[in-house]
Amino acid sequence: MEFVRATLIINVTTMLKQRLRKTDILARLGGDEFAALLCQVDRKQTEIIAKQMIEIISQKGRFTQGYPTNVTASIGITLFPTHSNEAQSLLACADQAMYLAKEKGRNGFCFYQGNP
């Protein structure tokens, strides 16, 4: 089963990297958590990219041939410098927004809603 999980992580990473631009950065934070740093985008562009990422990830069975998979994504979004200008704070805000997306039913995204 660990092989399936590793294959899934690798395949999701590959698909997400193909969606991002060369100026964007994708990092695996641990387990099944990723962070994407999108450069030079506004709120609307970020929303479009988040929807595309969810669509890529939610395609059943796409990532592990021969093994049934049901992969969902919960994306938390924070904006620089609106919500913070410090990396740790931005990650914490994105994490809060991600948990809100999970509470709303997964396979979705939420923008950070705290006070800037």
N, C-alpha and C. Protein backbone atom coordinates (compact mmCIF):
# COMPACT_ATOMS: atom_id res chain seq x y z
N MET A 1 0.81 -1.20 0.00
CA MET A 1 0.00 0.00 0.00
C MET A 1 0.86 1.27 0.00
N GLU A 2 2.03 1.18 0.64
CA GLU A 2 2.92 2.34 0.66
C GLU A 2 3.37 2.70 -0.75
N PHE A 3 3.55 1.68 -1.60
CA PHE A 3 3.92 1.92 -2.99
C PHE A 3 2.83 2.73 -3.70
N VAL A 4 1.58 2.38 -3.45
CA VAL A 4 0.46 3.09 -4.07
C VAL A 4 0.45 4.54 -3.61
N ARG A 5 0.66 4.77 -2.32
CA ARG A 5 0.68 6.13 -1.78
C ARG A 5 1.82 6.95 -2.39
N ALA A 6 3.00 6.34 -2.47
CA ALA A 6 4.15 7.04 -3.05
C ALA A 6 3.91 7.35 -4.53
N THR A 7 3.36 6.40 -5.24
CA THR A 7 3.05 6.61 -6.65
C THR A 7 2.03 7.73 -6.81
N LEU A 8 1.04 7.73 -5.96
CA LEU A 8 0.01 8.77 -5.99
C LEU A 8 0.62 10.15 -5.76
N ILE A 9 1.46 10.29 -4.74
CA ILE A 9 2.10 11.57 -4.43
C ILE A 9 2.95 12.04 -5.62
N ILE A 10 3.73 11.12 -6.19
CA ILE A 10 4.58 11.48 -7.32
C ILE A 10 3.74 11.93 -8.51
N ASN A 11 2.68 11.19 -8.80
CA ASN A 11 1.83 11.52 -9.95
C ASN A 11 1.06 12.83 -9.75
N VAL A 12 0.58 13.07 -8.55
CA VAL A 12 -0.10 14.34 -8.27
C VAL A 12 0.89 15.49 -8.44
N THR A 13 2.09 15.32 -7.92
CA THR A 13 3.12 16.35 -8.04
C THR A 13 3.40 16.67 -9.50
N THR A 14 3.55 15.64 -10.30
CA THR A 14 3.82 15.82 -11.72
C THR A 14 2.70 16.58 -12.41
N MET A 15 1.46 16.21 -12.13
CA MET A 15 0.32 16.87 -12.76
C MET A 15 0.22 18.33 -12.32
N LEU A 16 0.44 18.60 -11.05
CA LEU A 16 0.36 19.98 -10.58
C LEU A 16 1.47 20.83 -11.19
N LYS A 17 2.67 20.28 -11.28
CA LYS A 17 3.78 21.02 -11.88
C LYS A 17 3.52 21.34 -13.34
N GLN A 18 2.83 20.45 -14.04
CA GLN A 18 2.51 20.71 -15.43
C GLN A 18 1.50 21.85 -15.56
N ARG A 19 0.67 22.04 -14.57
CA ARG A 19 -0.32 23.12 -14.59
C ARG A 19 0.31 24.47 -14.28
N LEU A 20 1.33 24.48 -13.43
CA LEU A 20 1.94 25.74 -13.00
C LEU A 20 2.88 26.28 -14.06
N ARG A 21 3.16 27.57 -13.95
CA ARG A 21 4.09 28.22 -14.87
C ARG A 21 5.51 28.09 -14.35
N LYS A 22 6.47 28.39 -15.17
CA LYS A 22 7.88 28.27 -14.77
C LYS A 22 8.22 29.22 -13.63
N THR A 23 7.49 30.31 -13.50
CA THR A 23 7.75 31.28 -12.43
C THR A 23 7.12 30.88 -11.11
N ASP A 24 6.23 29.90 -11.11
CA ASP A 24 5.56 29.44 -9.89
C ASP A 24 6.41 28.39 -9.19
N ILE A 25 6.15 28.19 -7.91
CA ILE A 25 6.90 27.23 -7.12
C ILE A 25 5.93 26.26 -6.47
N LEU A 26 6.21 24.97 -6.57
CA LEU A 26 5.42 23.93 -5.91
C LEU A 26 6.32 23.22 -4.92
N ALA A 27 5.84 23.05 -3.70
CA ALA A 27 6.62 22.36 -2.67
C ALA A 27 5.72 21.39 -1.92
N ARG A 28 6.26 20.25 -1.60
CA ARG A 28 5.54 19.30 -0.75
C ARG A 28 5.93 19.62 0.69
N LEU A 29 4.93 19.94 1.50
CA LEU A 29 5.19 20.31 2.89
C LEU A 29 5.34 19.09 3.78
N GLY A 30 4.76 17.98 3.35
CA GLY A 30 4.81 16.75 4.12
C GLY A 30 3.53 15.97 3.90
N GLY A 31 3.62 14.66 4.01
CA GLY A 31 2.43 13.83 3.81
C GLY A 31 1.80 14.12 2.47
N ASP A 32 0.56 14.54 2.52
CA ASP A 32 -0.15 14.86 1.27
C ASP A 32 -0.44 16.36 1.16
N GLU A 33 0.36 17.17 1.82
CA GLU A 33 0.18 18.62 1.77
C GLU A 33 1.22 19.28 0.88
N PHE A 34 0.71 20.16 0.03
CA PHE A 34 1.56 20.90 -0.89
C PHE A 34 1.32 22.40 -0.71
N ALA A 35 2.29 23.18 -1.12
CA ALA A 35 2.13 24.63 -1.19
C ALA A 35 2.54 25.07 -2.58
N ALA A 36 1.77 25.98 -3.15
CA ALA A 36 2.12 26.54 -4.45
C ALA A 36 2.23 28.05 -4.28
N LEU A 37 3.33 28.59 -4.74
CA LEU A 37 3.55 30.03 -4.72
C LEU A 37 3.33 30.51 -6.15
N LEU A 38 2.28 31.27 -6.34
CA LEU A 38 1.94 31.78 -7.67
C LEU A 38 2.38 33.23 -7.76
N CYS A 39 3.21 33.52 -8.73
CA CYS A 39 3.76 34.85 -8.88
C CYS A 39 2.94 35.69 -9.85
N GLN A 40 2.79 36.95 -9.53
CA GLN A 40 2.15 37.92 -10.42
C GLN A 40 0.72 37.51 -10.83
N VAL A 41 -0.10 37.12 -9.84
CA VAL A 41 -1.49 36.79 -10.13
C VAL A 41 -2.40 37.59 -9.20
N ASP A 42 -3.60 37.87 -9.67
CA ASP A 42 -4.58 38.54 -8.82
C ASP A 42 -5.54 37.49 -8.26
N ARG A 43 -6.50 37.95 -7.50
CA ARG A 43 -7.45 37.04 -6.83
C ARG A 43 -8.21 36.18 -7.84
N LYS A 44 -8.67 36.77 -8.92
CA LYS A 44 -9.45 36.04 -9.92
C LYS A 44 -8.59 34.97 -10.60
N GLN A 45 -7.37 35.31 -10.96
CA GLN A 45 -6.47 34.33 -11.58
C GLN A 45 -6.17 33.18 -10.62
N THR A 46 -6.00 33.51 -9.35
CA THR A 46 -5.75 32.49 -8.34
C THR A 46 -6.93 31.54 -8.24
N GLU A 47 -8.13 32.08 -8.28
CA GLU A 47 -9.34 31.26 -8.22
C GLU A 47 -9.41 30.31 -9.42
N ILE A 48 -9.10 30.79 -10.60
CA ILE A 48 -9.11 29.96 -11.81
C ILE A 48 -8.10 28.82 -11.68
N ILE A 49 -6.91 29.14 -11.22
CA ILE A 49 -5.87 28.12 -11.06
C ILE A 49 -6.28 27.09 -10.01
N ALA A 50 -6.86 27.54 -8.90
CA ALA A 50 -7.32 26.61 -7.86
C ALA A 50 -8.37 25.65 -8.43
N LYS A 51 -9.31 26.16 -9.21
CA LYS A 51 -10.33 25.30 -9.82
C LYS A 51 -9.69 24.29 -10.76
N GLN A 52 -8.70 24.71 -11.52
CA GLN A 52 -8.02 23.80 -12.44
C GLN A 52 -7.26 22.72 -11.68
N MET A 53 -6.63 23.09 -10.58
CA MET A 53 -5.91 22.10 -9.77
C MET A 53 -6.87 21.06 -9.20
N ILE A 54 -8.01 21.52 -8.72
CA ILE A 54 -9.00 20.59 -8.17
C ILE A 54 -9.49 19.64 -9.26
N GLU A 55 -9.72 20.17 -10.44
CA GLU A 55 -10.16 19.33 -11.55
C GLU A 55 -9.11 18.28 -11.89
N ILE A 56 -7.86 18.67 -11.94
CA ILE A 56 -6.77 17.74 -12.24
C ILE A 56 -6.72 16.63 -11.19
N ILE A 57 -6.79 16.99 -9.93
CA ILE A 57 -6.63 16.04 -8.84
C ILE A 57 -7.83 15.12 -8.68
N SER A 58 -9.02 15.60 -8.96
CA SER A 58 -10.23 14.82 -8.66
C SER A 58 -10.61 13.80 -9.72
N GLN A 59 -9.83 13.66 -10.76
CA GLN A 59 -10.13 12.67 -11.79
C GLN A 59 -9.82 11.27 -11.26
N LYS A 60 -10.86 10.51 -11.00
CA LYS A 60 -10.73 9.20 -10.35
C LYS A 60 -9.85 8.25 -11.15
N GLY A 61 -9.01 7.53 -10.43
CA GLY A 61 -8.21 6.48 -11.02
C GLY A 61 -7.08 6.96 -11.92
N ARG A 62 -6.89 8.22 -12.01
CA ARG A 62 -5.91 8.75 -12.95
C ARG A 62 -4.47 8.58 -12.48
N PHE A 63 -4.25 8.48 -11.21
CA PHE A 63 -2.90 8.55 -10.68
C PHE A 63 -2.24 7.21 -10.38
N THR A 64 -3.01 6.17 -10.11
CA THR A 64 -2.42 4.89 -9.76
C THR A 64 -3.07 3.81 -10.61
N GLN A 65 -2.42 3.46 -11.67
CA GLN A 65 -2.96 2.47 -12.59
C GLN A 65 -3.18 1.15 -11.88
N GLY A 66 -4.38 0.59 -12.06
CA GLY A 66 -4.69 -0.70 -11.46
C GLY A 66 -5.20 -0.63 -10.04
N TYR A 67 -5.11 0.51 -9.41
CA TYR A 67 -5.58 0.65 -8.04
C TYR A 67 -6.69 1.71 -8.00
N PRO A 68 -7.79 1.40 -7.34
CA PRO A 68 -8.86 2.40 -7.26
C PRO A 68 -8.43 3.59 -6.39
N THR A 69 -8.65 4.77 -6.88
CA THR A 69 -8.32 5.95 -6.10
C THR A 69 -9.46 6.95 -6.16
N ASN A 70 -9.65 7.64 -5.10
CA ASN A 70 -10.61 8.74 -5.04
C ASN A 70 -9.90 9.89 -4.35
N VAL A 71 -9.29 10.73 -5.14
CA VAL A 71 -8.45 11.80 -4.61
C VAL A 71 -9.23 13.11 -4.66
N THR A 72 -9.19 13.83 -3.57
CA THR A 72 -9.81 15.16 -3.52
C THR A 72 -8.76 16.17 -3.08
N ALA A 73 -9.10 17.43 -3.27
CA ALA A 73 -8.19 18.50 -2.87
C ALA A 73 -8.96 19.54 -2.07
N SER A 74 -8.36 19.99 -1.01
CA SER A 74 -8.86 21.12 -0.24
C SER A 74 -7.77 22.18 -0.27
N ILE A 75 -8.08 23.31 -0.88
CA ILE A 75 -7.07 24.34 -1.11
C ILE A 75 -7.38 25.58 -0.28
N GLY A 76 -6.38 26.02 0.47
CA GLY A 76 -6.46 27.26 1.22
C GLY A 76 -5.61 28.31 0.53
N ILE A 77 -6.18 29.48 0.34
CA ILE A 77 -5.49 30.53 -0.40
C ILE A 77 -5.32 31.77 0.47
N THR A 78 -4.13 32.29 0.44
CA THR A 78 -3.84 33.56 1.09
C THR A 78 -3.10 34.45 0.10
N LEU A 79 -3.25 35.73 0.25
CA LEU A 79 -2.69 36.67 -0.71
C LEU A 79 -1.61 37.54 -0.08
N PHE A 80 -0.53 37.67 -0.79
CA PHE A 80 0.57 38.55 -0.39
C PHE A 80 0.41 39.87 -1.13
N PRO A 81 0.50 40.99 -0.54
CA PRO A 81 0.74 41.27 0.87
C PRO A 81 -0.55 41.53 1.65
N THR A 82 -1.69 41.26 1.05
CA THR A 82 -2.98 41.55 1.70
C THR A 82 -3.09 40.93 3.08
N HIS A 83 -2.74 39.66 3.21
CA HIS A 83 -2.91 38.96 4.48
C HIS A 83 -1.66 38.97 5.35
N SER A 84 -0.52 39.12 4.74
CA SER A 84 0.74 39.21 5.48
C SER A 84 1.88 39.42 4.47
N ASN A 85 3.02 39.81 4.98
CA ASN A 85 4.20 39.88 4.13
C ASN A 85 5.31 38.97 4.66
N GLU A 86 4.93 38.06 5.56
CA GLU A 86 5.88 37.11 6.14
C GLU A 86 5.49 35.69 5.74
N ALA A 87 6.47 34.91 5.31
CA ALA A 87 6.22 33.56 4.80
C ALA A 87 5.48 32.67 5.80
N GLN A 88 5.94 32.63 7.05
CA GLN A 88 5.31 31.77 8.06
C GLN A 88 3.86 32.15 8.29
N SER A 89 3.59 33.43 8.33
CA SER A 89 2.23 33.91 8.54
C SER A 89 1.34 33.58 7.35
N LEU A 90 1.88 33.72 6.14
CA LEU A 90 1.12 33.38 4.94
C LEU A 90 0.78 31.90 4.93
N LEU A 91 1.73 31.05 5.30
CA LEU A 91 1.45 29.61 5.36
C LEU A 91 0.40 29.29 6.41
N ALA A 92 0.46 29.96 7.55
CA ALA A 92 -0.53 29.74 8.61
C ALA A 92 -1.93 30.17 8.14
N CYS A 93 -2.00 31.29 7.45
CA CYS A 93 -3.29 31.76 6.92
C CYS A 93 -3.84 30.79 5.87
N ALA A 94 -2.97 30.30 5.01
CA ALA A 94 -3.38 29.34 3.98
C ALA A 94 -3.86 28.05 4.64
N ASP A 95 -3.21 27.65 5.72
CA ASP A 95 -3.60 26.44 6.44
C ASP A 95 -5.00 26.61 7.04
N GLN A 96 -5.28 27.77 7.62
CA GLN A 96 -6.62 28.04 8.16
C GLN A 96 -7.67 27.99 7.06
N ALA A 97 -7.35 28.57 5.93
CA ALA A 97 -8.29 28.58 4.80
C ALA A 97 -8.50 27.16 4.27
N MET A 98 -7.46 26.34 4.28
CA MET A 98 -7.58 24.96 3.82
C MET A 98 -8.53 24.17 4.73
N TYR A 99 -8.42 24.36 6.03
CA TYR A 99 -9.32 23.66 6.94
C TYR A 99 -10.76 24.13 6.76
N LEU A 100 -10.95 25.38 6.43
CA LEU A 100 -12.29 25.87 6.12
C LEU A 100 -12.82 25.19 4.86
N ALA A 101 -11.97 25.02 3.86
CA ALA A 101 -12.38 24.32 2.63
C ALA A 101 -12.77 22.87 2.95
N LYS A 102 -12.03 22.22 3.85
CA LYS A 102 -12.36 20.85 4.25
C LYS A 102 -13.71 20.81 4.96
N GLU A 103 -13.95 21.78 5.84
CA GLU A 103 -15.22 21.83 6.56
C GLU A 103 -16.40 22.02 5.61
N LYS A 104 -16.16 22.69 4.51
CA LYS A 104 -17.23 22.95 3.54
C LYS A 104 -17.48 21.76 2.61
N GLY A 105 -16.77 20.66 2.83
CA GLY A 105 -17.06 19.47 2.06
C GLY A 105 -15.95 18.95 1.18
N ARG A 106 -14.77 19.46 1.28
CA ARG A 106 -13.62 19.01 0.51
C ARG A 106 -13.81 19.25 -0.98
N ASN A 107 -12.74 18.97 -1.71
CA ASN A 107 -12.71 19.17 -3.16
C ASN A 107 -13.14 20.59 -3.54
N GLY A 108 -12.62 21.54 -2.79
CA GLY A 108 -12.92 22.94 -3.02
C GLY A 108 -11.78 23.82 -2.50
N PHE A 109 -12.02 25.11 -2.55
CA PHE A 109 -11.01 26.05 -2.07
C PHE A 109 -11.68 27.17 -1.31
N CYS A 110 -10.91 27.79 -0.44
CA CYS A 110 -11.36 28.97 0.29
C CYS A 110 -10.21 29.96 0.40
N PHE A 111 -10.55 31.23 0.33
CA PHE A 111 -9.59 32.28 0.61
C PHE A 111 -9.55 32.50 2.11
N TYR A 112 -8.40 32.88 2.62
CA TYR A 112 -8.27 33.24 4.03
C TYR A 112 -9.23 34.38 4.34
N GLN A 113 -9.95 34.27 5.44
CA GLN A 113 -10.99 35.25 5.76
C GLN A 113 -10.70 36.05 7.01
N GLY A 114 -9.52 35.93 7.56
CA GLY A 114 -9.17 36.67 8.75
C GLY A 114 -8.87 38.13 8.44
N ASN A 115 -8.53 38.85 9.43
CA ASN A 115 -8.18 40.26 9.27
C ASN A 115 -6.76 40.39 8.77
N PRO A 116 -6.55 41.20 7.73
CA PRO A 116 -5.18 41.42 7.25
C PRO A 116 -4.38 42.20 8.26
